[in-house]
């Protein structure tokens, strides 16, 4: 049974680039109110660095309090559960990373309950690290997907994004993590390198799929670096379309990311929505075999963070 003082909580997902608050009914995870801004921790930290009046904690706390005041007045005093980059050294308050392994239930993660000077009651969740990677925020999503993973003895949960995460789990625990800069590399190469004039974003279709698969096979064959300039050559010499090249580049980078998974047979869980989900699902089917692919539905992904934050809330109350 949920204690009465925990009937509601404020979910805060404070990432590098974005900020999101949601007023949540704890029992059902019904979202009663939502508020978003583009002031991720990077932007707020930059603003903090340009002033000398407030400490880092107080500056971030002031911004958080201002956003909480956009929620319905009767619920502005609810406990705020924060995950993401808020616990980093450029965030509200730095917390030490937890070490892998950690349990699918959330046990083994680090968090801190405190009341800020402005009166906000917060439960701040830290990240997780191991020798091959680190993450802040994705660990809360991961424990929120326990019900989708628990029937499998082992697997790899892939969370695509700017820094794609591959989280290995077995016997009820997350045991390993690898981080890939796939999304960031794509952004840099497609906008700031010599290839910027040879690629152009476009809708997905059959022609784009052929280019994407071509890129996948190049990347998964360990030839991504050698193949990148070929994108420029295709555009200049062969008059290849910039739109097709956009997906050729994407395929090379994702193929390179998945290269290390070719040597095992364990299931691959793709936790993504929209075009990213489509691309990673096709990549796994093409390179690793359709039998290894398990796609997590949009509804599971949408609630994963809230489920994970509720788990931390309940563990804190034990």
Protein backbone atom coordinates (compact mmCIF):
# COMPACT_ATOMS: atom_id res chain seq x y z
CA UNK A 1 0.00 0.00 0.00
CA UNK A 2 1.23 3.49 -0.89
CA UNK A 3 1.53 5.78 2.16
CA UNK A 4 -0.91 8.68 2.02
CA UNK A 5 1.85 11.29 1.90
CA UNK A 6 3.07 9.59 -1.30
CA UNK A 7 -0.27 9.65 -3.13
CA UNK A 8 1.29 12.08 -5.60
CA UNK A 9 4.81 13.02 -6.63
CA UNK A 10 6.43 15.47 -9.04
CA UNK A 11 8.51 13.74 -11.67
CA UNK A 12 11.46 15.78 -12.92
CA UNK A 13 13.48 14.60 -15.91
CA UNK A 14 16.34 17.10 -16.18
CA UNK A 15 18.59 16.20 -19.08
CA UNK A 16 21.49 17.93 -20.76
CA UNK A 17 19.28 19.79 -23.23
CA UNK A 18 15.71 19.61 -21.91
CA UNK A 19 13.68 19.91 -18.72
CA UNK A 20 10.35 18.20 -17.99
CA UNK A 21 8.09 18.27 -14.92
CA UNK A 22 5.04 16.04 -14.49
CA UNK A 23 2.59 15.88 -11.62
CA UNK A 24 1.89 12.17 -11.17
CA UNK A 25 -0.66 10.11 -9.26
CA UNK A 26 1.55 7.48 -7.64
CA UNK A 27 -0.81 4.48 -7.74
CA UNK A 28 -1.81 4.71 -11.41
CA UNK A 29 1.02 6.89 -12.79
CA UNK A 30 -1.65 9.11 -14.30
CA UNK A 31 -0.09 12.39 -15.45
CA UNK A 32 -2.20 15.24 -14.09
CA UNK A 33 -0.11 18.11 -15.40
CA UNK A 34 3.02 18.47 -17.54
CA UNK A 35 5.45 21.32 -18.10
CA UNK A 36 8.49 21.39 -20.43
CA UNK A 37 11.29 23.85 -21.22
CA UNK A 38 14.46 23.76 -23.30
CA UNK A 39 16.56 24.69 -20.26
CA UNK A 40 18.51 21.51 -19.69
CA UNK A 41 21.34 21.49 -17.17
CA UNK A 42 23.84 22.72 -19.76
CA UNK A 43 21.89 25.94 -20.40
CA UNK A 44 21.17 26.56 -16.70
CA UNK A 45 24.82 25.88 -15.79
CA UNK A 46 25.91 28.43 -18.39
CA UNK A 47 23.57 31.00 -16.85
CA UNK A 48 24.90 30.15 -13.39
CA UNK A 49 28.49 30.61 -14.62
CA UNK A 50 27.67 34.11 -15.85
CA UNK A 51 26.61 35.39 -12.41
CA UNK A 52 28.21 35.69 -8.96
CA UNK A 53 25.24 36.09 -6.62
CA UNK A 54 24.09 32.51 -5.98
CA UNK A 55 25.81 29.20 -5.36
CA UNK A 56 25.31 26.47 -7.93
CA UNK A 57 22.82 24.62 -5.72
CA UNK A 58 20.82 27.79 -5.02
CA UNK A 59 20.82 28.88 -8.67
CA UNK A 60 19.49 25.52 -9.87
CA UNK A 61 17.06 25.36 -6.94
CA UNK A 62 15.67 28.76 -7.91
CA UNK A 63 15.08 27.61 -11.48
CA UNK A 64 13.45 24.38 -10.28
CA UNK A 65 11.16 26.25 -7.86
CA UNK A 66 10.04 28.59 -10.64
CA UNK A 67 9.03 25.62 -12.80
CA UNK A 68 7.26 23.86 -9.91
CA UNK A 69 5.12 26.97 -9.51
CA UNK A 70 3.61 26.25 -12.94
CA UNK A 71 1.94 23.13 -11.47
CA UNK A 72 -1.51 23.24 -9.84
CA UNK A 73 -1.15 25.15 -6.58
CA UNK A 74 -2.43 22.39 -4.23
CA UNK A 75 0.38 20.07 -5.41
CA UNK A 76 3.35 22.42 -5.47
CA UNK A 77 4.60 21.01 -2.13
CA UNK A 78 4.78 17.40 -3.33
CA UNK A 79 8.09 15.56 -3.24
CA UNK A 80 10.12 16.17 -6.44
CA UNK A 81 11.84 13.01 -7.76
CA UNK A 82 14.71 14.13 -10.01
CA UNK A 83 16.65 11.94 -12.40
CA UNK A 84 18.99 12.67 -15.29
CA UNK A 85 21.82 15.18 -15.31
CA UNK A 86 20.53 17.04 -12.24
CA UNK A 87 22.92 14.93 -10.13
CA UNK A 88 25.98 15.71 -12.30
CA UNK A 89 28.78 18.19 -11.62
CA UNK A 90 27.02 20.73 -13.88
CA UNK A 91 23.63 20.09 -12.30
CA UNK A 92 21.77 20.87 -9.12
CA UNK A 93 23.90 18.78 -6.80
CA UNK A 94 26.57 16.22 -7.68
CA UNK A 95 26.06 12.68 -6.42
CA UNK A 96 28.56 9.86 -6.78
CA UNK A 97 27.83 7.28 -9.45
CA UNK A 98 26.58 3.89 -8.27
CA UNK A 99 28.61 0.91 -9.45
CA UNK A 100 27.34 -1.92 -11.59
CA UNK A 101 25.82 -4.41 -11.10
CA UNK A 102 22.48 -3.16 -9.77
CA UNK A 103 19.19 -4.96 -9.39
CA UNK A 104 16.33 -4.67 -11.90
CA UNK A 105 14.22 -3.58 -8.92
CA UNK A 106 16.42 -0.51 -8.41
CA UNK A 107 18.31 -1.73 -5.36
CA UNK A 108 21.95 -0.72 -5.64
CA UNK A 109 21.29 2.73 -7.10
CA UNK A 110 22.23 5.89 -5.20
CA UNK A 111 19.81 8.66 -4.23
CA UNK A 112 19.58 11.51 -1.74
CA UNK A 113 16.52 12.95 0.02
CA UNK A 114 16.94 16.57 1.11
CA UNK A 115 15.08 19.85 1.55
CA UNK A 116 16.53 22.77 -0.39
CA UNK A 117 16.94 26.23 1.12
CA UNK A 118 13.84 27.42 -0.76
CA UNK A 119 11.75 24.70 0.89
CA UNK A 120 11.55 22.24 -2.03
CA UNK A 121 11.55 18.61 -0.87
CA UNK A 122 13.55 16.56 -3.38
CA UNK A 123 14.67 12.98 -3.96
CA UNK A 124 17.69 13.17 -6.26
CA UNK A 125 18.76 10.02 -8.13
CA UNK A 126 22.36 9.50 -9.19
CA UNK A 127 23.75 7.66 -12.22
CA UNK A 128 25.64 4.42 -12.74
CA UNK A 129 29.14 3.67 -13.98
CA UNK A 130 31.40 0.80 -14.92
CA UNK A 131 34.73 0.56 -16.75
CA UNK A 132 33.16 0.84 -20.20
CA UNK A 133 30.50 3.51 -19.69
CA UNK A 134 28.41 5.73 -17.47
CA UNK A 135 24.87 7.07 -17.54
CA UNK A 136 22.58 9.42 -15.68
CA UNK A 137 18.85 8.98 -16.23
CA UNK A 138 18.87 5.85 -18.36
CA UNK A 139 19.27 3.66 -15.27
CA UNK A 140 15.88 4.88 -14.03
CA UNK A 141 14.32 4.07 -17.41
CA UNK A 142 15.96 0.65 -17.31
CA UNK A 143 14.51 -0.37 -13.94
CA UNK A 144 11.17 0.94 -15.20
CA UNK A 145 11.29 -1.73 -17.91
CA UNK A 146 11.71 -4.61 -15.46
CA UNK A 147 8.35 -6.17 -16.38
CA UNK A 148 9.44 -6.35 -20.04
CA UNK A 149 12.79 -7.96 -19.22
CA UNK A 150 12.21 -10.20 -16.20
CA UNK A 151 10.97 -13.23 -18.16
CA UNK A 152 14.30 -13.44 -20.00
CA UNK A 153 17.37 -15.00 -18.43
CA UNK A 154 19.65 -12.48 -20.14
CA UNK A 155 19.72 -9.84 -22.84
CA UNK A 156 21.01 -6.45 -23.94
CA UNK A 157 18.81 -3.39 -23.57
CA UNK A 158 19.65 -0.74 -26.17
CA UNK A 159 18.63 2.85 -25.49
CA UNK A 160 19.48 4.76 -28.71
CA UNK A 161 20.17 8.47 -28.59
CA UNK A 162 22.91 11.07 -28.62
CA UNK A 163 25.00 8.65 -26.57
CA UNK A 164 23.51 5.23 -27.20
CA UNK A 165 23.54 2.87 -24.23
CA UNK A 166 23.89 -0.94 -24.35
CA UNK A 167 22.95 -2.31 -20.92
CA UNK A 168 23.53 -6.02 -20.32
CA UNK A 169 21.29 -7.84 -17.87
CA UNK A 170 21.24 -11.40 -16.55
CA UNK A 171 19.76 -13.20 -13.57
CA UNK A 172 17.74 -10.19 -12.44
CA UNK A 173 20.54 -7.64 -12.47
CA UNK A 174 22.06 -5.10 -14.85
CA UNK A 175 25.66 -6.21 -15.07
CA UNK A 176 27.44 -4.19 -17.77
CA UNK A 177 27.17 -0.99 -19.78
CA UNK A 178 28.72 0.27 -22.99
CA UNK A 179 28.21 3.82 -24.28
CA UNK A 180 28.41 4.73 -27.98
CA UNK A 181 28.59 8.30 -29.31
CA UNK A 182 26.53 7.34 -32.37
CA UNK A 183 24.02 10.19 -32.27
CA UNK A 184 26.59 12.87 -31.48
CA UNK A 185 28.93 11.66 -34.23
CA UNK A 186 26.05 11.68 -36.71
CA UNK A 187 25.21 15.27 -35.78
CA UNK A 188 28.84 16.44 -36.05
CA UNK A 189 29.57 14.64 -39.32
CA UNK A 190 26.31 15.63 -41.00
CA UNK A 191 26.50 19.31 -40.00
CA UNK A 192 30.15 20.27 -39.49
CA UNK A 193 32.36 17.96 -41.57
CA UNK A 194 33.16 17.91 -45.28
CA UNK A 195 30.14 15.62 -45.67
CA UNK A 196 27.70 18.34 -44.56
CA UNK A 197 27.00 19.33 -48.18
CA UNK A 198 26.51 15.72 -49.23
CA UNK A 199 23.70 14.77 -46.85
CA UNK A 200 20.21 16.13 -46.29
CA UNK A 201 17.48 14.95 -43.91
CA UNK A 202 14.45 13.46 -45.63
CA UNK A 203 11.41 11.24 -45.00
CA UNK A 204 11.90 7.49 -44.86
CA UNK A 205 10.98 5.37 -47.90
CA UNK A 206 12.11 2.26 -49.77
CA UNK A 207 14.93 4.05 -51.56
CA UNK A 208 16.26 5.36 -48.27
CA UNK A 209 16.06 1.84 -46.82
CA UNK A 210 18.41 0.51 -49.50
CA UNK A 211 20.94 3.23 -48.70
CA UNK A 212 20.60 2.61 -44.96
CA UNK A 213 21.18 -1.15 -45.35
CA UNK A 214 24.21 -0.46 -47.55
CA UNK A 215 25.60 1.70 -44.77
CA UNK A 216 24.78 -0.94 -42.15
CA UNK A 217 26.78 -3.61 -43.99
CA UNK A 218 29.74 -1.25 -44.38
CA UNK A 219 29.76 -0.30 -40.71
CA UNK A 220 29.23 -3.85 -39.45
CA UNK A 221 32.12 -5.01 -41.62
CA UNK A 222 34.46 -2.71 -39.72
CA UNK A 223 34.85 -0.34 -42.68
CA UNK A 224 33.04 2.74 -41.39
CA UNK A 225 36.06 5.07 -41.31
CA UNK A 226 37.17 4.06 -44.78
CA UNK A 227 33.60 4.30 -46.08
CA UNK A 228 32.77 7.79 -44.80
CA UNK A 229 34.54 9.70 -47.55
CA UNK A 230 32.78 7.44 -50.03
CA UNK A 231 29.60 9.36 -49.17
CA UNK A 232 31.21 12.52 -50.52
CA UNK A 233 32.44 10.66 -53.60
CA UNK A 234 28.97 9.26 -54.28
CA UNK A 235 27.54 12.77 -54.19
CA UNK A 236 30.20 14.48 -56.33
CA UNK A 237 31.13 11.74 -58.81
CA UNK A 238 28.00 9.58 -59.00
CA UNK A 239 25.49 12.36 -58.35
CA UNK A 240 23.95 10.30 -55.52
CA UNK A 241 21.11 12.08 -53.73
CA UNK A 242 21.91 13.89 -50.52
CA UNK A 243 18.72 12.42 -49.04
CA UNK A 244 19.88 8.85 -49.64
CA UNK A 245 23.34 9.73 -48.31
CA UNK A 246 21.73 10.89 -45.06
CA UNK A 247 20.59 7.32 -44.40
CA UNK A 248 23.80 5.84 -45.77
CA UNK A 249 25.70 7.76 -43.08
CA UNK A 250 23.21 6.73 -40.42
CA UNK A 251 23.56 3.09 -41.44
CA UNK A 252 27.36 3.20 -41.26
CA UNK A 253 27.33 4.59 -37.73
CA UNK A 254 24.65 2.24 -36.41
CA UNK A 255 26.32 -0.73 -38.13
CA UNK A 256 29.58 0.15 -36.42
CA UNK A 257 27.74 0.45 -33.07
CA UNK A 258 26.23 -3.03 -33.41
CA UNK A 259 29.45 -4.65 -34.67
CA UNK A 260 30.35 -6.09 -31.26
CA UNK A 261 26.98 -7.86 -30.89
CA UNK A 262 27.54 -10.19 -33.83
CA UNK A 263 29.49 -12.72 -31.76
CA UNK A 264 26.67 -13.66 -29.34
CA UNK A 265 23.10 -14.95 -29.63
CA UNK A 266 21.41 -13.26 -26.68
CA UNK A 267 18.20 -11.23 -27.22
CA UNK A 268 18.39 -7.54 -28.11
CA UNK A 269 15.75 -5.22 -26.65
CA UNK A 270 15.26 -1.93 -28.51
CA UNK A 271 13.91 0.88 -26.32
CA UNK A 272 13.12 3.67 -28.77
CA UNK A 273 10.22 5.35 -30.54
CA UNK A 274 9.62 6.90 -33.94
CA UNK A 275 12.32 6.84 -36.60
CA UNK A 276 15.06 5.73 -34.21
CA UNK A 277 13.03 2.63 -33.35
CA UNK A 278 12.51 1.85 -37.03
CA UNK A 279 16.22 2.24 -37.87
CA UNK A 280 17.51 0.19 -34.94
CA UNK A 281 14.93 -2.55 -35.45
CA UNK A 282 15.90 -2.85 -39.12
CA UNK A 283 19.58 -2.83 -38.15
CA UNK A 284 19.15 -5.69 -35.69
CA UNK A 285 17.09 -7.74 -38.16
CA UNK A 286 19.63 -7.19 -40.93
CA UNK A 287 22.83 -7.74 -38.99
CA UNK A 288 21.90 -10.00 -36.07
CA UNK A 289 18.74 -11.83 -37.15
CA UNK A 290 15.07 -11.11 -36.57
CA UNK A 291 14.88 -13.88 -33.95
CA UNK A 292 17.11 -11.83 -31.63
CA UNK A 293 14.99 -8.67 -31.81
CA UNK A 294 12.51 -7.76 -29.07
CA UNK A 295 10.89 -4.33 -29.51
CA UNK A 296 9.49 -2.59 -26.47
CA UNK A 297 6.17 -0.88 -27.24
CA UNK A 298 5.70 2.87 -27.13
CA UNK A 299 3.41 2.62 -24.10
CA UNK A 300 6.10 0.76 -22.12
CA UNK A 301 8.71 3.36 -23.02
CA UNK A 302 6.46 6.30 -22.19
CA UNK A 303 5.90 5.06 -18.64
CA UNK A 304 9.36 3.55 -18.03
CA UNK A 305 10.82 6.67 -16.41
CA UNK A 306 7.77 7.15 -14.18
CA UNK A 307 7.79 3.48 -13.14
CA UNK A 308 11.50 3.75 -12.35
CA UNK A 309 11.05 6.93 -10.32
CA UNK A 310 8.14 5.36 -8.41
CA UNK A 311 10.36 2.37 -7.59
CA UNK A 312 13.00 4.70 -6.13
CA UNK A 313 10.27 6.50 -4.20
CA UNK A 314 9.00 3.23 -2.72
CA UNK A 315 12.51 1.97 -1.94
CA UNK A 316 13.28 5.26 -0.19
CA UNK A 317 10.16 4.82 1.94
CA UNK A 318 11.18 1.33 3.13
